[in-house]
């Protein structure tokens, strides 16, 4: 059953019908009260794919959400983002009736087609975060987000005119901008958890660079690092940019340059030998990267010690 092909829901109307809801008031955008959604144990083992964006603020008992390989419960309430074509599954405790509160915003890509938002929406990294990397809101932040959602709902419930699409798109942009601000706050305030990720990253790279992995496997990729840390690539990149000012690739390169400087200053190995030891097939590639980061060639750096 776990290997069964995910069920694809192509339209917002189809989603409403599946969840036992009245037809949406607008075919391309909908705000749904979670308390009105009907769950069925028959669908507990089924995975889903939506052809539209979803943003949800959910508080639920006896309900778990699976996205990728991660599971998370919503007892505390959290804001979560999904782009089209991502696979997920909602798991309801068969022995309890779920008690849900919150809302679900569905946005079909056709709704924002031709707007500025259509070009920028995928620039928000949190659409690619894992479920356990959801945004946890303070009461004040939650009130701010809820106010934006009310504005969206009120706008599409009024008479639709030539201004409606742009006004609603602007509200959605505000929602995403507030979310980005609050994620930035979360990166800073959840200091212990985030610094533990950084500490694990440092150890991972040190162990990797001190082993034969550089020679046998080459430079560690962003995907490799994020998988080892059990975080999404997007979340790790955002976290590092906020705390260190660098993205993951830059952080890997920085550790590589530190190792290169160590070898250049403490060994008599040739530049070609050091490049090979650092996982480079061609010494020219190593020299180019080293100079781009230090403004010196490896040879110039070595000569500065004499």
C-alpha atoms as a PDB file:
ATOM      1  CA  UNK A   1       0.000   0.000   0.000  1.00  0.00           C
ATOM      2  CA  UNK A   2       2.883   2.355   0.798  1.00  0.00           C
ATOM      3  CA  UNK A   3       4.159   2.030  -2.770  1.00  0.00           C
ATOM      4  CA  UNK A   4       0.814   2.915  -4.309  1.00  0.00           C
ATOM      5  CA  UNK A   5       0.951   5.740  -6.826  1.00  0.00           C
ATOM      6  CA  UNK A   6       0.058   9.102  -5.229  1.00  0.00           C
ATOM      7  CA  UNK A   7      -3.421  10.418  -5.953  1.00  0.00           C
ATOM      8  CA  UNK A   8      -3.250  13.662  -7.928  1.00  0.00           C
ATOM      9  CA  UNK A   9      -5.757  16.461  -7.310  1.00  0.00           C
ATOM     10  CA  UNK A  10      -5.739  18.852 -10.246  1.00  0.00           C
ATOM     11  CA  UNK A  11      -8.238  21.512  -9.244  1.00  0.00           C
ATOM     12  CA  UNK A  12      -9.362  23.289  -6.109  1.00  0.00           C
ATOM     13  CA  UNK A  13     -12.939  22.209  -6.832  1.00  0.00           C
ATOM     14  CA  UNK A  14     -11.771  18.592  -6.866  1.00  0.00           C
ATOM     15  CA  UNK A  15     -10.087  19.109  -3.486  1.00  0.00           C
ATOM     16  CA  UNK A  16     -13.297  20.560  -2.034  1.00  0.00           C
ATOM     17  CA  UNK A  17     -15.320  17.628  -3.330  1.00  0.00           C
ATOM     18  CA  UNK A  18     -12.881  15.064  -1.972  1.00  0.00           C
ATOM     19  CA  UNK A  19     -12.914  16.649   1.490  1.00  0.00           C
ATOM     20  CA  UNK A  20     -16.715  16.880   1.592  1.00  0.00           C
ATOM     21  CA  UNK A  21     -16.795  20.666   1.277  1.00  0.00           C
ATOM     22  CA  UNK A  22     -19.167  22.920  -0.690  1.00  0.00           C
ATOM     23  CA  UNK A  23     -17.894  24.077  -4.062  1.00  0.00           C
ATOM     24  CA  UNK A  24     -15.298  26.876  -3.737  1.00  0.00           C
ATOM     25  CA  UNK A  25     -16.536  30.444  -4.075  1.00  0.00           C
ATOM     26  CA  UNK A  26     -13.681  31.053  -6.529  1.00  0.00           C
ATOM     27  CA  UNK A  27     -12.353  28.219  -8.733  1.00  0.00           C
ATOM     28  CA  UNK A  28      -8.695  29.280  -8.470  1.00  0.00           C
ATOM     29  CA  UNK A  29      -8.289  30.372  -4.846  1.00  0.00           C
ATOM     30  CA  UNK A  30      -9.874  29.213  -1.607  1.00  0.00           C
ATOM     31  CA  UNK A  31      -9.534  29.664   2.156  1.00  0.00           C
ATOM     32  CA  UNK A  32     -10.804  26.590   3.994  1.00  0.00           C
ATOM     33  CA  UNK A  33     -11.600  26.260   7.701  1.00  0.00           C
ATOM     34  CA  UNK A  34      -9.818  23.111   8.893  1.00  0.00           C
ATOM     35  CA  UNK A  35     -12.680  22.297  11.246  1.00  0.00           C
ATOM     36  CA  UNK A  36     -14.922  21.713   8.221  1.00  0.00           C
ATOM     37  CA  UNK A  37     -12.614  19.186   6.530  1.00  0.00           C
ATOM     38  CA  UNK A  38     -13.769  15.581   6.708  1.00  0.00           C
ATOM     39  CA  UNK A  39     -11.184  12.829   7.244  1.00  0.00           C
ATOM     40  CA  UNK A  40     -11.534   9.188   6.315  1.00  0.00           C
ATOM     41  CA  UNK A  41      -9.504   6.274   7.666  1.00  0.00           C
ATOM     42  CA  UNK A  42      -9.740   4.754   4.202  1.00  0.00           C
ATOM     43  CA  UNK A  43      -7.375   7.422   2.920  1.00  0.00           C
ATOM     44  CA  UNK A  44      -4.891   7.110   5.775  1.00  0.00           C
ATOM     45  CA  UNK A  45      -2.294   5.206   3.764  1.00  0.00           C
ATOM     46  CA  UNK A  46      -2.741   7.197   0.570  1.00  0.00           C
ATOM     47  CA  UNK A  47      -0.267   9.802  -0.652  1.00  0.00           C
ATOM     48  CA  UNK A  48      -1.348  12.935  -2.458  1.00  0.00           C
ATOM     49  CA  UNK A  49      -0.057  15.414  -5.015  1.00  0.00           C
ATOM     50  CA  UNK A  50      -1.682  18.798  -5.551  1.00  0.00           C
ATOM     51  CA  UNK A  51      -1.407  20.807  -8.762  1.00  0.00           C
ATOM     52  CA  UNK A  52      -1.625  24.051  -6.789  1.00  0.00           C
ATOM     53  CA  UNK A  53       0.043  25.878  -3.907  1.00  0.00           C
ATOM     54  CA  UNK A  54      -1.103  25.323  -0.352  1.00  0.00           C
ATOM     55  CA  UNK A  55      -0.328  27.341   2.759  1.00  0.00           C
ATOM     56  CA  UNK A  56      -1.736  26.141   6.047  1.00  0.00           C
ATOM     57  CA  UNK A  57      -1.945  27.169   9.663  1.00  0.00           C
ATOM     58  CA  UNK A  58      -3.071  24.050  11.436  1.00  0.00           C
ATOM     59  CA  UNK A  59      -3.603  22.907  14.999  1.00  0.00           C
ATOM     60  CA  UNK A  60      -4.760  19.331  15.266  1.00  0.00           C
ATOM     61  CA  UNK A  61      -4.874  16.520  17.769  1.00  0.00           C
ATOM     62  CA  UNK A  62      -4.311  12.891  16.750  1.00  0.00           C
ATOM     63  CA  UNK A  63      -3.171  13.945  13.265  1.00  0.00           C
ATOM     64  CA  UNK A  64       0.268  13.650  11.690  1.00  0.00           C
ATOM     65  CA  UNK A  65       1.459  15.027   8.390  1.00  0.00           C
ATOM     66  CA  UNK A  66       4.068  13.183   6.335  1.00  0.00           C
ATOM     67  CA  UNK A  67       6.063  15.027   3.684  1.00  0.00           C
ATOM     68  CA  UNK A  68       9.014  13.217   2.115  1.00  0.00           C
ATOM     69  CA  UNK A  69      10.584  11.160   4.903  1.00  0.00           C
ATOM     70  CA  UNK A  70       9.557  13.514   7.706  1.00  0.00           C
ATOM     71  CA  UNK A  71       6.591  13.330  10.072  1.00  0.00           C
ATOM     72  CA  UNK A  72       5.267  16.102  12.254  1.00  0.00           C
ATOM     73  CA  UNK A  73       2.267  16.569  14.514  1.00  0.00           C
ATOM     74  CA  UNK A  74       0.327  19.811  14.611  1.00  0.00           C
ATOM     75  CA  UNK A  75      -0.609  19.909  18.274  1.00  0.00           C
ATOM     76  CA  UNK A  76       1.233  23.211  18.767  1.00  0.00           C
ATOM     77  CA  UNK A  77       0.180  24.758  15.468  1.00  0.00           C
ATOM     78  CA  UNK A  78       2.496  25.768  12.686  1.00  0.00           C
ATOM     79  CA  UNK A  79       2.579  27.438   9.293  1.00  0.00           C
ATOM     80  CA  UNK A  80       3.545  25.148   6.437  1.00  0.00           C
ATOM     81  CA  UNK A  81       4.028  25.766   2.708  1.00  0.00           C
ATOM     82  CA  UNK A  82       3.782  23.392  -0.239  1.00  0.00           C
ATOM     83  CA  UNK A  83       4.364  24.077  -3.925  1.00  0.00           C
ATOM     84  CA  UNK A  84       2.604  22.084  -6.659  1.00  0.00           C
ATOM     85  CA  UNK A  85       3.728  18.504  -7.378  1.00  0.00           C
ATOM     86  CA  UNK A  86       5.027  17.685  -3.891  1.00  0.00           C
ATOM     87  CA  UNK A  87       4.017  14.343  -2.382  1.00  0.00           C
ATOM     88  CA  UNK A  88       2.502  14.251   1.106  1.00  0.00           C
ATOM     89  CA  UNK A  89       0.251  12.143   3.322  1.00  0.00           C
ATOM     90  CA  UNK A  90      -2.042  12.998   6.241  1.00  0.00           C
ATOM     91  CA  UNK A  91      -2.221  10.264   8.877  1.00  0.00           C
ATOM     92  CA  UNK A  92      -5.153  10.261  11.291  1.00  0.00           C
ATOM     93  CA  UNK A  93      -5.124   8.229  14.514  1.00  0.00           C
ATOM     94  CA  UNK A  94      -7.754   5.551  13.900  1.00  0.00           C
ATOM     95  CA  UNK A  95      -8.572   5.351  17.600  1.00  0.00           C
ATOM     96  CA  UNK A  96      -9.387   9.043  17.981  1.00  0.00           C
ATOM     97  CA  UNK A  97     -11.446  11.647  16.185  1.00  0.00           C
ATOM     98  CA  UNK A  98      -9.144  14.491  15.096  1.00  0.00           C
ATOM     99  CA  UNK A  99      -9.961  17.955  16.422  1.00  0.00           C
ATOM    100  CA  UNK A 100      -8.677  20.493  13.928  1.00  0.00           C
ATOM    101  CA  UNK A 101      -8.514  24.256  13.887  1.00  0.00           C
ATOM    102  CA  UNK A 102      -6.820  26.738  11.608  1.00  0.00           C
ATOM    103  CA  UNK A 103      -7.079  27.360   7.887  1.00  0.00           C
ATOM    104  CA  UNK A 104      -5.817  26.168   4.545  1.00  0.00           C
ATOM    105  CA  UNK A 105      -5.148  28.552   1.665  1.00  0.00           C
ATOM    106  CA  UNK A 106      -5.151  27.001  -1.824  1.00  0.00           C
ATOM    107  CA  UNK A 107      -3.793  28.986  -4.772  1.00  0.00           C
ATOM    108  CA  UNK A 108      -3.889  27.628  -8.306  1.00  0.00           C
ATOM    109  CA  UNK A 109      -0.948  28.823 -10.471  1.00  0.00           C
ATOM    110  CA  UNK A 110      -3.471  30.046 -13.071  1.00  0.00           C
ATOM    111  CA  UNK A 111      -4.762  32.591 -10.563  1.00  0.00           C
ATOM    112  CA  UNK A 112      -1.434  34.445 -10.317  1.00  0.00           C
ATOM    113  CA  UNK A 113      -0.536  33.995 -13.987  1.00  0.00           C
ATOM    114  CA  UNK A 114       0.500  37.320 -15.501  1.00  0.00           C
ATOM    115  CA  UNK A 115       1.195  38.966 -12.116  1.00  0.00           C
ATOM    116  CA  UNK A 116       4.536  39.849 -10.555  1.00  0.00           C
ATOM    117  CA  UNK A 117       3.883  37.144  -7.957  1.00  0.00           C
ATOM    118  CA  UNK A 118       3.984  34.440 -10.640  1.00  0.00           C
ATOM    119  CA  UNK A 119       7.654  35.265 -11.222  1.00  0.00           C
ATOM    120  CA  UNK A 120       8.658  35.555  -7.567  1.00  0.00           C
ATOM    121  CA  UNK A 121       6.643  32.970  -5.632  1.00  0.00           C
ATOM    122  CA  UNK A 122       9.195  30.165  -6.060  1.00  0.00           C
ATOM    123  CA  UNK A 123      11.951  32.446  -4.794  1.00  0.00           C
ATOM    124  CA  UNK A 124      10.581  31.872  -1.293  1.00  0.00           C
ATOM    125  CA  UNK A 125      12.721  28.975  -0.067  1.00  0.00           C
ATOM    126  CA  UNK A 126      10.189  27.806   2.529  1.00  0.00           C
ATOM    127  CA  UNK A 127       8.068  26.175  -0.183  1.00  0.00           C
ATOM    128  CA  UNK A 128      10.841  23.552  -0.273  1.00  0.00           C
ATOM    129  CA  UNK A 129      11.281  23.103   3.493  1.00  0.00           C
ATOM    130  CA  UNK A 130      10.568  19.763   5.121  1.00  0.00           C
ATOM    131  CA  UNK A 131       7.532  19.328   7.358  1.00  0.00           C
ATOM    132  CA  UNK A 132       9.627  19.420  10.546  1.00  0.00           C
ATOM    133  CA  UNK A 133      10.952  22.827   9.430  1.00  0.00           C
ATOM    134  CA  UNK A 134       7.550  24.523   9.651  1.00  0.00           C
ATOM    135  CA  UNK A 135       7.196  28.082  10.926  1.00  0.00           C
ATOM    136  CA  UNK A 136       6.059  28.316  14.558  1.00  0.00           C
ATOM    137  CA  UNK A 137       4.262  31.595  15.140  1.00  0.00           C
ATOM    138  CA  UNK A 138       3.966  33.714  18.253  1.00  0.00           C
ATOM    139  CA  UNK A 139       0.390  34.816  19.132  1.00  0.00           C
ATOM    140  CA  UNK A 140       1.113  38.274  17.722  1.00  0.00           C
ATOM    141  CA  UNK A 141       2.550  36.851  14.492  1.00  0.00           C
ATOM    142  CA  UNK A 142      -0.387  34.473  14.145  1.00  0.00           C
ATOM    143  CA  UNK A 143      -2.807  37.407  14.471  1.00  0.00           C
ATOM    144  CA  UNK A 144      -0.937  39.252  11.717  1.00  0.00           C
ATOM    145  CA  UNK A 145      -1.075  36.258   9.381  1.00  0.00           C
ATOM    146  CA  UNK A 146      -4.739  35.601  10.153  1.00  0.00           C
ATOM    147  CA  UNK A 147      -5.571  39.208   9.291  1.00  0.00           C
ATOM    148  CA  UNK A 148      -3.988  38.812   5.844  1.00  0.00           C
ATOM    149  CA  UNK A 149      -5.942  35.597   5.263  1.00  0.00           C
ATOM    150  CA  UNK A 150      -9.179  37.383   6.183  1.00  0.00           C
ATOM    151  CA  UNK A 151      -8.358  40.100   3.645  1.00  0.00           C
ATOM    152  CA  UNK A 152      -7.824  37.489   0.931  1.00  0.00           C
ATOM    153  CA  UNK A 153     -11.080  35.728   1.738  1.00  0.00           C
ATOM    154  CA  UNK A 154     -13.098  38.941   1.928  1.00  0.00           C
ATOM    155  CA  UNK A 155     -11.755  40.105  -1.426  1.00  0.00           C
ATOM    156  CA  UNK A 156     -12.690  37.011  -3.424  1.00  0.00           C
ATOM    157  CA  UNK A 157     -16.069  36.826  -1.679  1.00  0.00           C
ATOM    158  CA  UNK A 158     -16.991  40.285  -2.958  1.00  0.00           C
ATOM    159  CA  UNK A 159     -17.978  41.025  -6.526  1.00  0.00           C
ATOM    160  CA  UNK A 160     -15.066  40.038  -8.771  1.00  0.00           C
ATOM    161  CA  UNK A 161     -13.839  42.884 -10.976  1.00  0.00           C
ATOM    162  CA  UNK A 162     -10.694  43.823 -12.890  1.00  0.00           C
ATOM    163  CA  UNK A 163      -8.956  44.880  -9.663  1.00  0.00           C
ATOM    164  CA  UNK A 164      -9.609  41.714  -7.651  1.00  0.00           C
ATOM    165  CA  UNK A 165      -6.771  39.581  -8.989  1.00  0.00           C
ATOM    166  CA  UNK A 166      -4.092  42.192  -8.365  1.00  0.00           C
ATOM    167  CA  UNK A 167      -5.426  43.054  -4.898  1.00  0.00           C
ATOM    168  CA  UNK A 168      -5.503  39.395  -3.831  1.00  0.00           C
ATOM    169  CA  UNK A 169      -2.043  38.787  -5.330  1.00  0.00           C
ATOM    170  CA  UNK A 170      -0.746  41.706  -3.273  1.00  0.00           C
ATOM    171  CA  UNK A 171      -2.276  40.194  -0.130  1.00  0.00           C
ATOM    172  CA  UNK A 172      -0.554  36.873  -0.937  1.00  0.00           C
ATOM    173  CA  UNK A 173       2.755  38.713  -1.411  1.00  0.00           C
ATOM    174  CA  UNK A 174       2.225  40.320   2.012  1.00  0.00           C
ATOM    175  CA  UNK A 175       1.567  36.882   3.500  1.00  0.00           C
ATOM    176  CA  UNK A 176       4.807  35.535   2.026  1.00  0.00           C
ATOM    177  CA  UNK A 177       6.807  38.596   3.096  1.00  0.00           C
ATOM    178  CA  UNK A 178       5.540  38.336   6.669  1.00  0.00           C
ATOM    179  CA  UNK A 179       6.364  34.618   6.625  1.00  0.00           C
ATOM    180  CA  UNK A 180       9.892  35.343   5.452  1.00  0.00           C
ATOM    181  CA  UNK A 181      10.303  37.899   8.253  1.00  0.00           C
ATOM    182  CA  UNK A 182       8.985  35.467  10.864  1.00  0.00           C
ATOM    183  CA  UNK A 183      11.242  32.664   9.595  1.00  0.00           C
ATOM    184  CA  UNK A 184      14.176  35.044   9.965  1.00  0.00           C
ATOM    185  CA  UNK A 185      13.082  35.603  13.560  1.00  0.00           C
ATOM    186  CA  UNK A 186      12.795  31.841  14.089  1.00  0.00           C
ATOM    187  CA  UNK A 187      16.339  31.246  12.832  1.00  0.00           C
ATOM    188  CA  UNK A 188      17.586  33.715  15.438  1.00  0.00           C
ATOM    189  CA  UNK A 189      15.362  32.926  18.428  1.00  0.00           C
ATOM    190  CA  UNK A 190      15.595  29.124  18.173  1.00  0.00           C
ATOM    191  CA  UNK A 191      19.262  29.581  18.925  1.00  0.00           C
ATOM    192  CA  UNK A 192      19.981  26.258  20.606  1.00  0.00           C
ATOM    193  CA  UNK A 193      18.424  24.083  17.905  1.00  0.00           C
ATOM    194  CA  UNK A 194      19.963  26.065  15.055  1.00  0.00           C
ATOM    195  CA  UNK A 195      23.423  26.205  16.581  1.00  0.00           C
ATOM    196  CA  UNK A 196      23.258  22.458  17.107  1.00  0.00           C
ATOM    197  CA  UNK A 197      22.756  22.146  13.348  1.00  0.00           C
ATOM    198  CA  UNK A 198      25.792  24.377  12.777  1.00  0.00           C
ATOM    199  CA  UNK A 199      27.871  22.350  15.216  1.00  0.00           C
ATOM    200  CA  UNK A 200      26.893  19.131  13.462  1.00  0.00           C
ATOM    201  CA  UNK A 201      27.734  20.728  10.111  1.00  0.00           C
ATOM    202  CA  UNK A 202      31.172  21.764  11.356  1.00  0.00           C
ATOM    203  CA  UNK A 203      31.903  18.253  12.639  1.00  0.00           C
ATOM    204  CA  UNK A 204      30.588  16.678   9.444  1.00  0.00           C
ATOM    205  CA  UNK A 205      32.876  18.796   7.254  1.00  0.00           C
ATOM    206  CA  UNK A 206      35.905  18.393   9.521  1.00  0.00           C
ATOM    207  CA  UNK A 207      35.504  14.606   9.560  1.00  0.00           C
ATOM    208  CA  UNK A 208      34.959  14.558   5.804  1.00  0.00           C
ATOM    209  CA  UNK A 209      38.031  16.693   5.067  1.00  0.00           C
ATOM    210  CA  UNK A 210      40.200  14.665   7.451  1.00  0.00           C
ATOM    211  CA  UNK A 211      39.234  11.369   5.800  1.00  0.00           C
ATOM    212  CA  UNK A 212      39.919   9.930   2.366  1.00  0.00           C
ATOM    213  CA  UNK A 213      36.466  10.998   1.183  1.00  0.00           C
ATOM    214  CA  UNK A 214      37.797  14.079  -0.617  1.00  0.00           C
ATOM    215  CA  UNK A 215      40.005  11.880  -2.796  1.00  0.00           C
ATOM    216  CA  UNK A 216      37.502   9.079  -3.336  1.00  0.00           C
ATOM    217  CA  UNK A 217      34.244  11.064  -3.492  1.00  0.00           C
ATOM    218  CA  UNK A 218      35.257  14.634  -4.232  1.00  0.00           C
ATOM    219  CA  UNK A 219      33.961  17.779  -2.575  1.00  0.00           C
ATOM    220  CA  UNK A 220      30.798  17.171  -0.507  1.00  0.00           C
ATOM    221  CA  UNK A 221      27.663  18.461  -2.231  1.00  0.00           C
ATOM    222  CA  UNK A 222      24.888  20.515  -0.669  1.00  0.00           C
ATOM    223  CA  UNK A 223      22.592  17.516  -1.078  1.00  0.00           C
ATOM    224  CA  UNK A 224      25.039  15.212   0.720  1.00  0.00           C
ATOM    225  CA  UNK A 225      25.448  17.636   3.623  1.00  0.00           C
ATOM    226  CA  UNK A 226      21.720  18.297   4.059  1.00  0.00           C
ATOM    227  CA  UNK A 227      20.894  14.580   3.961  1.00  0.00           C
ATOM    228  CA  UNK A 228      23.513  13.836   6.617  1.00  0.00           C
ATOM    229  CA  UNK A 229      22.096  16.602   8.815  1.00  0.00           C
ATOM    230  CA  UNK A 230      18.512  15.491   8.114  1.00  0.00           C
ATOM    231  CA  UNK A 231      17.389  18.943   7.001  1.00  0.00           C
ATOM    232  CA  UNK A 232      16.200  20.166   3.616  1.00  0.00           C
ATOM    233  CA  UNK A 233      18.670  21.898   1.317  1.00  0.00           C
ATOM    234  CA  UNK A 234      16.566  25.062   1.276  1.00  0.00           C
ATOM    235  CA  UNK A 235      16.188  25.258   5.064  1.00  0.00           C
ATOM    236  CA  UNK A 236      19.909  24.706   5.642  1.00  0.00           C
ATOM    237  CA  UNK A 237      20.791  27.388   3.097  1.00  0.00           C
ATOM    238  CA  UNK A 238      18.394  29.900   4.634  1.00  0.00           C
ATOM    239  CA  UNK A 239      19.602  29.146   8.161  1.00  0.00           C
ATOM    240  CA  UNK A 240      23.251  29.609   7.200  1.00  0.00           C
ATOM    241  CA  UNK A 241      22.576  32.854   5.339  1.00  0.00           C
ATOM    242  CA  UNK A 242      20.834  34.352   8.381  1.00  0.00           C
ATOM    243  CA  UNK A 243      23.410  33.198  10.952  1.00  0.00           C
ATOM    244  CA  UNK A 244      26.669  33.282   8.963  1.00  0.00           C
ATOM    245  CA  UNK A 245      25.909  35.371   5.882  1.00  0.00           C
ATOM    246  CA  UNK A 246      26.878  32.460   3.616  1.00  0.00           C
ATOM    247  CA  UNK A 247      24.882  29.810   1.814  1.00  0.00           C
ATOM    248  CA  UNK A 248      25.718  26.115   2.158  1.00  0.00           C
ATOM    249  CA  UNK A 249      27.951  25.950  -0.912  1.00  0.00           C
ATOM    250  CA  UNK A 250      29.935  28.964   0.277  1.00  0.00           C
ATOM    251  CA  UNK A 251      30.281  27.381   3.712  1.00  0.00           C
ATOM    252  CA  UNK A 252      31.649  24.160   2.193  1.00  0.00           C
ATOM    253  CA  UNK A 253      34.091  26.164   0.086  1.00  0.00           C
ATOM    254  CA  UNK A 254      35.210  28.144   3.144  1.00  0.00           C
ATOM    255  CA  UNK A 255      36.073  24.933   5.005  1.00  0.00           C
ATOM    256  CA  UNK A 256      37.857  23.649   1.912  1.00  0.00           C
ATOM    257  CA  UNK A 257      39.967  26.815   1.686  1.00  0.00           C
ATOM    258  CA  UNK A 258      40.845  26.478   5.376  1.00  0.00           C
ATOM    259  CA  UNK A 259      42.067  22.943   4.706  1.00  0.00           C
ATOM    260  CA  UNK A 260      43.965  24.103   1.632  1.00  0.00           C
ATOM    261  CA  UNK A 261      45.697  26.867   3.612  1.00  0.00           C
ATOM    262  CA  UNK A 262      46.693  24.317   6.227  1.00  0.00           C
ATOM    263  CA  UNK A 263      48.260  22.040   3.622  1.00  0.00           C
ATOM    264  CA  UNK A 264      49.973  24.912   1.789  1.00  0.00           C
ATOM    265  CA  UNK A 265      51.538  26.273   4.985  1.00  0.00           C
ATOM    266  CA  UNK A 266      52.472  23.048   6.795  1.00  0.00           C
ATOM    267  CA  UNK A 267      53.476  20.590   4.043  1.00  0.00           C
ATOM    268  CA  UNK A 268      55.893  20.460   1.134  1.00  0.00           C
ATOM    269  CA  UNK A 269      53.329  18.870  -1.172  1.00  0.00           C
ATOM    270  CA  UNK A 270      53.097  20.385  -4.637  1.00  0.00           C
ATOM    271  CA  UNK A 271      50.076  22.411  -5.683  1.00  0.00           C
ATOM    272  CA  UNK A 272      48.966  19.507  -7.898  1.00  0.00           C
ATOM    273  CA  UNK A 273      49.287  17.044  -5.017  1.00  0.00           C
ATOM    274  CA  UNK A 274      47.286  19.284  -2.679  1.00  0.00           C
ATOM    275  CA  UNK A 275      44.612  19.774  -5.331  1.00  0.00           C
ATOM    276  CA  UNK A 276      44.321  15.989  -5.695  1.00  0.00           C
ATOM    277  CA  UNK A 277      44.167  15.517  -1.897  1.00  0.00           C
ATOM    278  CA  UNK A 278      41.315  18.029  -1.794  1.00  0.00           C
ATOM    279  CA  UNK A 279      39.305  16.148  -4.395  1.00  0.00           C
ATOM    280  CA  UNK A 280      40.139  18.158  -7.512  1.00  0.00           C
ATOM    281  CA  UNK A 281      40.790  16.265 -10.707  1.00  0.00           C
ATOM    282  CA  UNK A 282      42.578  19.277 -12.203  1.00  0.00           C
ATOM    283  CA  UNK A 283      44.880  21.579 -10.235  1.00  0.00           C
ATOM    284  CA  UNK A 284      43.730  24.536 -12.364  1.00  0.00           C
ATOM    285  CA  UNK A 285      40.226  24.222 -10.925  1.00  0.00           C
ATOM    286  CA  UNK A 286      41.622  24.252  -7.398  1.00  0.00           C
ATOM    287  CA  UNK A 287      43.826  27.274  -8.114  1.00  0.00           C
ATOM    288  CA  UNK A 288      40.915  29.184  -9.647  1.00  0.00           C
ATOM    289  CA  UNK A 289      38.673  28.552  -6.625  1.00  0.00           C
ATOM    290  CA  UNK A 290      41.451  29.361  -4.154  1.00  0.00           C
ATOM    291  CA  UNK A 291      42.215  32.694  -5.829  1.00  0.00           C
ATOM    292  CA  UNK A 292      38.533  33.626  -6.055  1.00  0.00           C
ATOM    293  CA  UNK A 293      38.257  33.177  -2.283  1.00  0.00           C
ATOM    294  CA  UNK A 294      41.620  34.615  -1.128  1.00  0.00           C
ATOM    295  CA  UNK A 295      42.714  36.949  -3.948  1.00  0.00           C
ATOM    296  CA  UNK A 296      45.975  34.951  -4.011  1.00  0.00           C
ATOM    297  CA  UNK A 297      47.028  31.944  -6.025  1.00  0.00           C
ATOM    298  CA  UNK A 298      48.003  28.864  -3.970  1.00  0.00           C
ATOM    299  CA  UNK A 299      51.654  29.514  -4.827  1.00  0.00           C
ATOM    300  CA  UNK A 300      51.441  33.186  -3.804  1.00  0.00           C
ATOM    301  CA  UNK A 301      49.819  32.161  -0.525  1.00  0.00           C
ATOM    302  CA  UNK A 302      52.603  29.635   0.165  1.00  0.00           C
ATOM    303  CA  UNK A 303      55.316  32.152  -0.680  1.00  0.00           C
ATOM    304  CA  UNK A 304      53.863  34.639   1.789  1.00  0.00           C
ATOM    305  CA  UNK A 305      55.171  32.379   4.589  1.00  0.00           C
ATOM    306  CA  UNK A 306      58.772  32.745   3.454  1.00  0.00           C
END
